[in-house]
Amino acid sequence: MGVLHHPDGSEVASAVILCHGMESNKESEKLVAMSRELADRGLVALRFDFACSGESEGRFEDITYSGEAEDLRAAFDFITKRRPKKIGVLGSSMGGTVALLFAAQEMNVDALVTIAAPLHPQRFTERLLTPEQARQWRETGFILYHDRRLNVTLLEDLEKLDVPGAARKISCPALVIHGDQDDTVSVEEGHELYAELKEPKKLGILRGADHRLSQPAHLQKAMDESVSWLTQNLK
C-alpha cells in the first residue's frame, strides 16, 4: 500500500521513494512531513508500507531485510513506469539500510538518503537481546520483541548481509544523517557508513538527536537536509 504526493504543474518531475523503519509505516510523522515538503519542492514522493507493516499484507513476525528490499524493488518498478526524470530513495532506520542495499544493486538510483541506518544490523542481537534471548531465538525459532513475535528467519537473513560491502558499491550521491544521541543505532555506525561511501557524499550529524528524531527541531533539521540533498541531485 502506498501514497503518492504530486507537485503542482504538469511537467514530468523527478521522484523520491520513502522507506519507513521497523515497527513503523508509511503514516509516520517523519515520512508524511518529508513527502509533503518534497512535493512542495517539485518532486513526486511515494511513501509505502513494506509487507508485514501498516496496511500491507503479511505478519510482522516474518519481516526480513531481504524481503523489504524486494518490496522496494516493486515500488521502484511502479514509479519507473511514470517515467520520472530521476529517482531518489530515502530510508529511515531499517528502511535506510534497505534503501542502501537496494541502491547498491540498482544503478538507476540517482540519489540516496539514509537516516539512523544500521551499518551493522547483525548487532541487533547484541544491542537489544540478552545472550539467553539470542540463544532461545535459535532454539525455538522465534523471540518476543516489544511483545511481538519475530521469527528466526530475520536472524538468518541478518547473517547473510554485507552492508559495508554494499555501501562500497553505491555510485550515486549519498547523504548520511544520524543523531549523536541515538541509543538504538550508535552514531559511530553513521560515521562508518559515511567512510565506506564514494564521493559525492555528505554526513549530517544532528546534535542531541535520538533515534526517532523525537524533538521537532531535530526532525525539521533532518527534513531540511534531506530535501535539499534530493532536490540538488535530482534536477
C-alpha atoms as a PDB file:
ATOM      1  CA  MET A   1       0.000   0.000   0.000  1.00  0.00           C
ATOM      2  CA  GLY A   2       1.324   3.438  -0.890  1.00  0.00           C
ATOM      3  CA  VAL A   3       0.533   7.142  -1.108  1.00  0.00           C
ATOM      4  CA  LEU A   4       1.738   9.425  -3.916  1.00  0.00           C
ATOM      5  CA  HIS A   5       2.382  13.125  -3.369  1.00  0.00           C
ATOM      6  CA  HIS A   6       2.367  15.164  -6.591  1.00  0.00           C
ATOM      7  CA  PRO A   7       3.913  18.589  -7.145  1.00  0.00           C
ATOM      8  CA  ASP A   8       1.879  21.331  -8.784  1.00  0.00           C
ATOM      9  CA  GLY A   9       2.097  21.601 -12.555  1.00  0.00           C
ATOM     10  CA  SER A  10       2.034  19.116 -15.415  1.00  0.00           C
ATOM     11  CA  GLU A  11       5.780  18.951 -16.007  1.00  0.00           C
ATOM     12  CA  VAL A  12       7.291  15.486 -15.591  1.00  0.00           C
ATOM     13  CA  ALA A  13       9.094  15.551 -12.255  1.00  0.00           C
ATOM     14  CA  SER A  14      11.792  13.513 -10.605  1.00  0.00           C
ATOM     15  CA  ALA A  15      10.629  11.166  -7.847  1.00  0.00           C
ATOM     16  CA  VAL A  16      11.623  10.013  -4.374  1.00  0.00           C
ATOM     17  CA  ILE A  17      10.658   6.718  -2.720  1.00  0.00           C
ATOM     18  CA  LEU A  18      10.497   6.868   1.091  1.00  0.00           C
ATOM     19  CA  CYS A  19      11.117   3.768   3.231  1.00  0.00           C
ATOM     20  CA  HIS A  20       9.958   3.509   6.847  1.00  0.00           C
ATOM     21  CA  GLY A  21      11.716   1.759   9.699  1.00  0.00           C
ATOM     22  CA  MET A  22      10.959  -1.335  11.740  1.00  0.00           C
ATOM     23  CA  GLU A  23       7.717  -1.084  13.731  1.00  0.00           C
ATOM     24  CA  SER A  24       6.799   1.984  11.672  1.00  0.00           C
ATOM     25  CA  ASN A  25       4.753   2.509   8.500  1.00  0.00           C
ATOM     26  CA  LYS A  26       4.035   4.979   5.712  1.00  0.00           C
ATOM     27  CA  GLU A  27       1.973   7.171   8.070  1.00  0.00           C
ATOM     28  CA  SER A  28       4.917   8.072  10.299  1.00  0.00           C
ATOM     29  CA  GLU A  29       5.222  11.782  11.061  1.00  0.00           C
ATOM     30  CA  LYS A  30       8.685  11.799   9.505  1.00  0.00           C
ATOM     31  CA  LEU A  31       7.653  10.297   6.163  1.00  0.00           C
ATOM     32  CA  VAL A  32       4.442  12.291   5.820  1.00  0.00           C
ATOM     33  CA  ALA A  33       6.228  15.590   6.519  1.00  0.00           C
ATOM     34  CA  MET A  34       9.078  14.810   4.136  1.00  0.00           C
ATOM     35  CA  SER A  35       6.719  13.674   1.375  1.00  0.00           C
ATOM     36  CA  ARG A  36       4.764  16.910   1.575  1.00  0.00           C
ATOM     37  CA  GLU A  37       7.918  19.006   1.578  1.00  0.00           C
ATOM     38  CA  LEU A  38       9.331  17.125  -1.410  1.00  0.00           C
ATOM     39  CA  ALA A  39       6.116  17.721  -3.363  1.00  0.00           C
ATOM     40  CA  ASP A  40       6.243  21.403  -2.430  1.00  0.00           C
ATOM     41  CA  ARG A  41       9.776  21.470  -3.871  1.00  0.00           C
ATOM     42  CA  GLY A  42       8.652  19.963  -7.182  1.00  0.00           C
ATOM     43  CA  LEU A  43       9.306  16.238  -6.661  1.00  0.00           C
ATOM     44  CA  VAL A  44       6.911  13.302  -6.743  1.00  0.00           C
ATOM     45  CA  ALA A  45       7.073  11.426  -3.423  1.00  0.00           C
ATOM     46  CA  LEU A  46       5.963   7.838  -2.832  1.00  0.00           C
ATOM     47  CA  ARG A  47       5.664   6.552   0.732  1.00  0.00           C
ATOM     48  CA  PHE A  48       4.563   2.950   1.103  1.00  0.00           C
ATOM     49  CA  ASP A  49       4.159   0.143   3.614  1.00  0.00           C
ATOM     50  CA  PHE A  50       6.593  -2.728   3.457  1.00  0.00           C
ATOM     51  CA  ALA A  51       4.990  -6.171   3.615  1.00  0.00           C
ATOM     52  CA  CYS A  52       4.163  -7.143   7.217  1.00  0.00           C
ATOM     53  CA  SER A  53       3.700  -3.440   8.138  1.00  0.00           C
ATOM     54  CA  GLY A  54       0.894  -0.890   8.093  1.00  0.00           C
ATOM     55  CA  GLU A  55      -1.850  -1.702   5.604  1.00  0.00           C
ATOM     56  CA  SER A  56       0.212  -4.195   3.603  1.00  0.00           C
ATOM     57  CA  GLU A  57      -0.347  -7.922   3.839  1.00  0.00           C
ATOM     58  CA  GLY A  58       1.825 -10.190   5.931  1.00  0.00           C
ATOM     59  CA  ARG A  59       2.739 -10.750   9.561  1.00  0.00           C
ATOM     60  CA  PHE A  60       5.236  -8.606  11.458  1.00  0.00           C
ATOM     61  CA  GLU A  61       6.991 -11.754  12.655  1.00  0.00           C
ATOM     62  CA  ASP A  62       8.057 -12.572   9.073  1.00  0.00           C
ATOM     63  CA  ILE A  63       9.929  -9.302   8.469  1.00  0.00           C
ATOM     64  CA  THR A  64      13.412  -9.512   6.868  1.00  0.00           C
ATOM     65  CA  TYR A  65      15.804  -7.068   5.213  1.00  0.00           C
ATOM     66  CA  SER A  66      15.844  -9.116   2.015  1.00  0.00           C
ATOM     67  CA  GLY A  67      12.058  -9.199   1.882  1.00  0.00           C
ATOM     68  CA  GLU A  68      11.872  -5.439   2.285  1.00  0.00           C
ATOM     69  CA  ALA A  69      14.438  -4.983  -0.494  1.00  0.00           C
ATOM     70  CA  GLU A  70      12.083  -6.938  -2.762  1.00  0.00           C
ATOM     71  CA  ASP A  71       9.221  -4.634  -1.740  1.00  0.00           C
ATOM     72  CA  LEU A  72      11.375  -1.622  -2.565  1.00  0.00           C
ATOM     73  CA  ARG A  73      12.071  -3.146  -5.972  1.00  0.00           C
ATOM     74  CA  ALA A  74       8.311  -3.322  -6.602  1.00  0.00           C
ATOM     75  CA  ALA A  75       7.911   0.324  -5.542  1.00  0.00           C
ATOM     76  CA  PHE A  76      10.833   1.324  -7.767  1.00  0.00           C
ATOM     77  CA  ASP A  77       9.336  -0.506 -10.750  1.00  0.00           C
ATOM     78  CA  PHE A  78       5.993   1.202 -10.095  1.00  0.00           C
ATOM     79  CA  ILE A  79       7.492   4.680 -10.013  1.00  0.00           C
ATOM     80  CA  THR A  80       9.712   3.941 -13.034  1.00  0.00           C
ATOM     81  CA  LYS A  81       6.590   3.372 -15.146  1.00  0.00           C
ATOM     82  CA  ARG A  82       5.684   7.024 -14.545  1.00  0.00           C
ATOM     83  CA  ARG A  83       8.882   7.967 -16.428  1.00  0.00           C
ATOM     84  CA  PRO A  84      10.353  10.421 -13.915  1.00  0.00           C
ATOM     85  CA  LYS A  85      13.479  12.340 -14.861  1.00  0.00           C
ATOM     86  CA  LYS A  86      15.434  10.843 -11.968  1.00  0.00           C
ATOM     87  CA  ILE A  87      14.676   8.690  -8.912  1.00  0.00           C
ATOM     88  CA  GLY A  88      15.956   9.052  -5.355  1.00  0.00           C
ATOM     89  CA  VAL A  89      15.484   6.762  -2.366  1.00  0.00           C
ATOM     90  CA  LEU A  90      15.253   7.827   1.282  1.00  0.00           C
ATOM     91  CA  GLY A  91      15.090   5.424   4.206  1.00  0.00           C
ATOM     92  CA  SER A  92      14.882   5.679   7.970  1.00  0.00           C
ATOM     93  CA  SER A  93      16.414   3.160  10.400  1.00  0.00           C
ATOM     94  CA  MET A  94      15.883  -0.358   8.981  1.00  0.00           C
ATOM     95  CA  GLY A  95      14.393   1.312   5.904  1.00  0.00           C
ATOM     96  CA  GLY A  96      17.637   3.234   5.483  1.00  0.00           C
ATOM     97  CA  THR A  97      19.648   0.032   5.363  1.00  0.00           C
ATOM     98  CA  VAL A  98      17.142  -1.481   2.934  1.00  0.00           C
ATOM     99  CA  ALA A  99      17.474   1.626   0.739  1.00  0.00           C
ATOM    100  CA  LEU A 100      21.265   1.293   0.877  1.00  0.00           C
ATOM    101  CA  LEU A 101      21.189  -2.391  -0.067  1.00  0.00           C
ATOM    102  CA  PHE A 102      18.864  -1.593  -2.962  1.00  0.00           C
ATOM    103  CA  ALA A 103      20.959   1.314  -4.230  1.00  0.00           C
ATOM    104  CA  ALA A 104      23.980  -0.990  -4.338  1.00  0.00           C
ATOM    105  CA  GLN A 105      22.099  -3.272  -6.752  1.00  0.00           C
ATOM    106  CA  GLU A 106      20.138  -0.734  -8.829  1.00  0.00           C
ATOM    107  CA  MET A 107      22.244   1.557 -10.987  1.00  0.00           C
ATOM    108  CA  ASN A 108      19.246   3.771 -11.802  1.00  0.00           C
ATOM    109  CA  VAL A 109      19.020   5.186  -8.279  1.00  0.00           C
ATOM    110  CA  ASP A 110      20.166   8.789  -8.702  1.00  0.00           C
ATOM    111  CA  ALA A 111      20.363   9.901  -5.049  1.00  0.00           C
ATOM    112  CA  LEU A 112      20.267   8.259  -1.628  1.00  0.00           C
ATOM    113  CA  VAL A 113      19.461   9.472   1.888  1.00  0.00           C
ATOM    114  CA  THR A 114      19.792   7.303   4.998  1.00  0.00           C
ATOM    115  CA  ILE A 115      18.581   8.400   8.428  1.00  0.00           C
ATOM    116  CA  ALA A 116      19.762   6.484  11.521  1.00  0.00           C
ATOM    117  CA  ALA A 117      20.515   3.456   9.351  1.00  0.00           C
ATOM    118  CA  PRO A 118      22.342   0.456  10.849  1.00  0.00           C
ATOM    119  CA  LEU A 119      25.584  -0.341   9.031  1.00  0.00           C
ATOM    120  CA  HIS A 120      25.887  -3.495  11.129  1.00  0.00           C
ATOM    121  CA  PRO A 121      22.308  -4.770  11.561  1.00  0.00           C
ATOM    122  CA  GLN A 122      23.746  -8.033  12.874  1.00  0.00           C
ATOM    123  CA  ARG A 123      24.378  -6.149  16.112  1.00  0.00           C
ATOM    124  CA  PHE A 124      20.616  -6.222  16.644  1.00  0.00           C
ATOM    125  CA  THR A 125      21.087  -9.212  18.924  1.00  0.00           C
ATOM    126  CA  GLU A 126      23.894  -7.508  20.847  1.00  0.00           C
ATOM    127  CA  ARG A 127      22.033  -4.216  21.278  1.00  0.00           C
ATOM    128  CA  LEU A 128      18.562  -5.427  22.098  1.00  0.00           C
ATOM    129  CA  LEU A 129      18.748  -9.039  23.295  1.00  0.00           C
ATOM    130  CA  THR A 130      20.402 -10.762  26.211  1.00  0.00           C
ATOM    131  CA  PRO A 131      22.608 -13.772  25.356  1.00  0.00           C
ATOM    132  CA  GLU A 132      19.853 -16.004  26.716  1.00  0.00           C
ATOM    133  CA  GLN A 133      17.242 -14.400  24.444  1.00  0.00           C
ATOM    134  CA  ALA A 134      19.524 -14.803  21.427  1.00  0.00           C
ATOM    135  CA  ARG A 135      20.037 -18.479  22.261  1.00  0.00           C
ATOM    136  CA  GLN A 136      16.287 -19.027  22.635  1.00  0.00           C
ATOM    137  CA  TRP A 137      15.707 -17.345  19.276  1.00  0.00           C
ATOM    138  CA  ARG A 138      17.742 -20.018  17.539  1.00  0.00           C
ATOM    139  CA  GLU A 139      16.364 -22.899  19.582  1.00  0.00           C
ATOM    140  CA  THR A 140      12.660 -22.047  19.480  1.00  0.00           C
ATOM    141  CA  GLY A 141      12.555 -20.339  16.090  1.00  0.00           C
ATOM    142  CA  PHE A 142      11.191 -17.058  17.422  1.00  0.00           C
ATOM    143  CA  ILE A 143      11.546 -14.372  20.091  1.00  0.00           C
ATOM    144  CA  LEU A 144       9.219 -11.784  21.546  1.00  0.00           C
ATOM    145  CA  TYR A 145      10.387  -8.284  20.649  1.00  0.00           C
ATOM    146  CA  HIS A 146       8.385  -5.471  22.265  1.00  0.00           C
ATOM    147  CA  ASP A 147       5.682  -8.093  22.890  1.00  0.00           C
ATOM    148  CA  ARG A 148       5.615  -9.012  19.187  1.00  0.00           C
ATOM    149  CA  ARG A 149       6.910 -12.233  17.708  1.00  0.00           C
ATOM    150  CA  LEU A 150       9.952 -12.250  15.395  1.00  0.00           C
ATOM    151  CA  ASN A 151      10.825 -15.432  13.541  1.00  0.00           C
ATOM    152  CA  VAL A 152      14.358 -16.790  13.250  1.00  0.00           C
ATOM    153  CA  THR A 153      14.218 -16.058   9.503  1.00  0.00           C
ATOM    154  CA  LEU A 154      15.210 -12.481  10.403  1.00  0.00           C
ATOM    155  CA  LEU A 155      18.312 -13.712  12.238  1.00  0.00           C
ATOM    156  CA  GLU A 156      19.218 -15.986   9.322  1.00  0.00           C
ATOM    157  CA  ASP A 157      18.744 -13.078   6.904  1.00  0.00           C
ATOM    158  CA  LEU A 158      20.938 -10.797   9.031  1.00  0.00           C
ATOM    159  CA  GLU A 159      23.769 -13.322   8.955  1.00  0.00           C
ATOM    160  CA  LYS A 160      23.850 -13.167   5.134  1.00  0.00           C
ATOM    161  CA  LEU A 161      24.018  -9.380   4.836  1.00  0.00           C
ATOM    162  CA  ASP A 162      27.172  -7.430   3.985  1.00  0.00           C
ATOM    163  CA  VAL A 163      26.047  -3.835   4.378  1.00  0.00           C
ATOM    164  CA  PRO A 164      29.556  -2.287   4.362  1.00  0.00           C
ATOM    165  CA  GLY A 165      30.265  -4.152   1.127  1.00  0.00           C
ATOM    166  CA  ALA A 166      27.013  -2.869  -0.347  1.00  0.00           C
ATOM    167  CA  ALA A 167      27.872   0.694   0.679  1.00  0.00           C
ATOM    168  CA  ARG A 168      31.149   0.496  -1.235  1.00  0.00           C
ATOM    169  CA  LYS A 169      29.237  -0.401  -4.421  1.00  0.00           C
ATOM    170  CA  ILE A 170      26.958   2.643  -4.361  1.00  0.00           C
ATOM    171  CA  SER A 171      27.714   5.106  -7.141  1.00  0.00           C
ATOM    172  CA  CYS A 172      25.008   7.745  -6.623  1.00  0.00           C
ATOM    173  CA  PRO A 173      25.297  10.837  -4.369  1.00  0.00           C
ATOM    174  CA  ALA A 174      24.559   9.788  -0.779  1.00  0.00           C
ATOM    175  CA  LEU A 175      23.609  11.712   2.361  1.00  0.00           C
ATOM    176  CA  VAL A 176      24.010  10.056   5.778  1.00  0.00           C
ATOM    177  CA  ILE A 177      22.041  11.595   8.665  1.00  0.00           C
ATOM    178  CA  HIS A 178      22.483  10.380  12.247  1.00  0.00           C
ATOM    179  CA  GLY A 179      21.731  11.687  15.719  1.00  0.00           C
ATOM    180  CA  ASP A 180      24.653  11.762  18.140  1.00  0.00           C
ATOM    181  CA  GLN A 181      22.364  10.634  20.983  1.00  0.00           C
ATOM    182  CA  ASP A 182      20.964   7.622  19.123  1.00  0.00           C
ATOM    183  CA  ASP A 183      20.887   4.777  21.654  1.00  0.00           C
ATOM    184  CA  THR A 184      19.431   2.261  19.179  1.00  0.00           C
ATOM    185  CA  VAL A 185      21.980   2.596  16.358  1.00  0.00           C
ATOM    186  CA  SER A 186      25.231   4.180  17.531  1.00  0.00           C
ATOM    187  CA  VAL A 187      26.334   7.370  15.789  1.00  0.00           C
ATOM    188  CA  GLU A 188      29.639   5.575  15.139  1.00  0.00           C
ATOM    189  CA  GLU A 189      27.781   3.456  12.587  1.00  0.00           C
ATOM    190  CA  GLY A 190      26.818   6.651  10.792  1.00  0.00           C
ATOM    191  CA  HIS A 191      30.462   7.725  10.662  1.00  0.00           C
ATOM    192  CA  GLU A 192      31.494   4.261   9.452  1.00  0.00           C
ATOM    193  CA  LEU A 193      28.824   4.254   6.756  1.00  0.00           C
ATOM    194  CA  TYR A 194      29.948   7.647   5.515  1.00  0.00           C
ATOM    195  CA  ALA A 195      33.541   6.396   5.327  1.00  0.00           C
ATOM    196  CA  GLU A 196      32.512   3.417   3.178  1.00  0.00           C
ATOM    197  CA  LEU A 197      30.677   5.538   0.588  1.00  0.00           C
ATOM    198  CA  LYS A 198      32.199   7.066  -2.524  1.00  0.00           C
ATOM    199  CA  GLU A 199      32.041  10.767  -3.361  1.00  0.00           C
ATOM    200  CA  PRO A 200      29.844  12.712  -3.769  1.00  0.00           C
ATOM    201  CA  LYS A 201      28.630  12.206  -0.221  1.00  0.00           C
ATOM    202  CA  LYS A 202      27.667  14.209   2.841  1.00  0.00           C
ATOM    203  CA  LEU A 203      27.432  13.464   6.569  1.00  0.00           C
ATOM    204  CA  GLY A 204      24.874  15.240   8.723  1.00  0.00           C
ATOM    205  CA  ILE A 205      25.300  14.653  12.474  1.00  0.00           C
ATOM    206  CA  LEU A 206      22.358  16.021  14.453  1.00  0.00           C
ATOM    207  CA  ARG A 207      23.470  17.291  17.855  1.00  0.00           C
ATOM    208  CA  GLY A 208      21.305  15.937  20.651  1.00  0.00           C
ATOM    209  CA  ALA A 209      19.061  13.896  18.342  1.00  0.00           C
ATOM    210  CA  ASP A 210      17.814  10.438  19.294  1.00  0.00           C
ATOM    211  CA  HIS A 211      16.989   7.519  17.001  1.00  0.00           C
ATOM    212  CA  ARG A 212      13.432   8.591  16.276  1.00  0.00           C
ATOM    213  CA  LEU A 213      14.213  12.318  15.927  1.00  0.00           C
ATOM    214  CA  SER A 214      11.545  12.815  18.556  1.00  0.00           C
ATOM    215  CA  GLN A 215      12.305  16.519  19.042  1.00  0.00           C
ATOM    216  CA  PRO A 216      10.616  18.729  16.398  1.00  0.00           C
ATOM    217  CA  ALA A 217      13.809  20.725  15.816  1.00  0.00           C
ATOM    218  CA  HIS A 218      15.761  17.557  15.017  1.00  0.00           C
ATOM    219  CA  LEU A 219      13.067  16.293  12.659  1.00  0.00           C
ATOM    220  CA  GLN A 220      12.998  19.653  10.899  1.00  0.00           C
ATOM    221  CA  LYS A 221      16.782  19.688  10.511  1.00  0.00           C
ATOM    222  CA  ALA A 222      16.782  16.173   9.070  1.00  0.00           C
ATOM    223  CA  MET A 223      13.979  17.104   6.709  1.00  0.00           C
ATOM    224  CA  ASP A 224      15.721  20.286   5.558  1.00  0.00           C
ATOM    225  CA  GLU A 225      18.997  18.479   4.845  1.00  0.00           C
ATOM    226  CA  SER A 226      17.262  15.560   3.110  1.00  0.00           C
ATOM    227  CA  VAL A 227      15.063  17.693   0.880  1.00  0.00           C
ATOM    228  CA  SER A 228      17.976  19.959  -0.021  1.00  0.00           C
ATOM    229  CA  TRP A 229      20.159  16.986  -0.970  1.00  0.00           C
ATOM    230  CA  LEU A 230      17.445  15.340  -3.034  1.00  0.00           C
ATOM    231  CA  THR A 231      16.389  18.461  -4.906  1.00  0.00           C
ATOM    232  CA  GLN A 232      20.047  19.266  -5.613  1.00  0.00           C
ATOM    233  CA  ASN A 233      20.791  15.818  -7.037  1.00  0.00           C
ATOM    234  CA  LEU A 234      17.516  15.071  -8.816  1.00  0.00           C
ATOM    235  CA  LYS A 235      17.341  18.171 -11.019  1.00  0.00           C
END
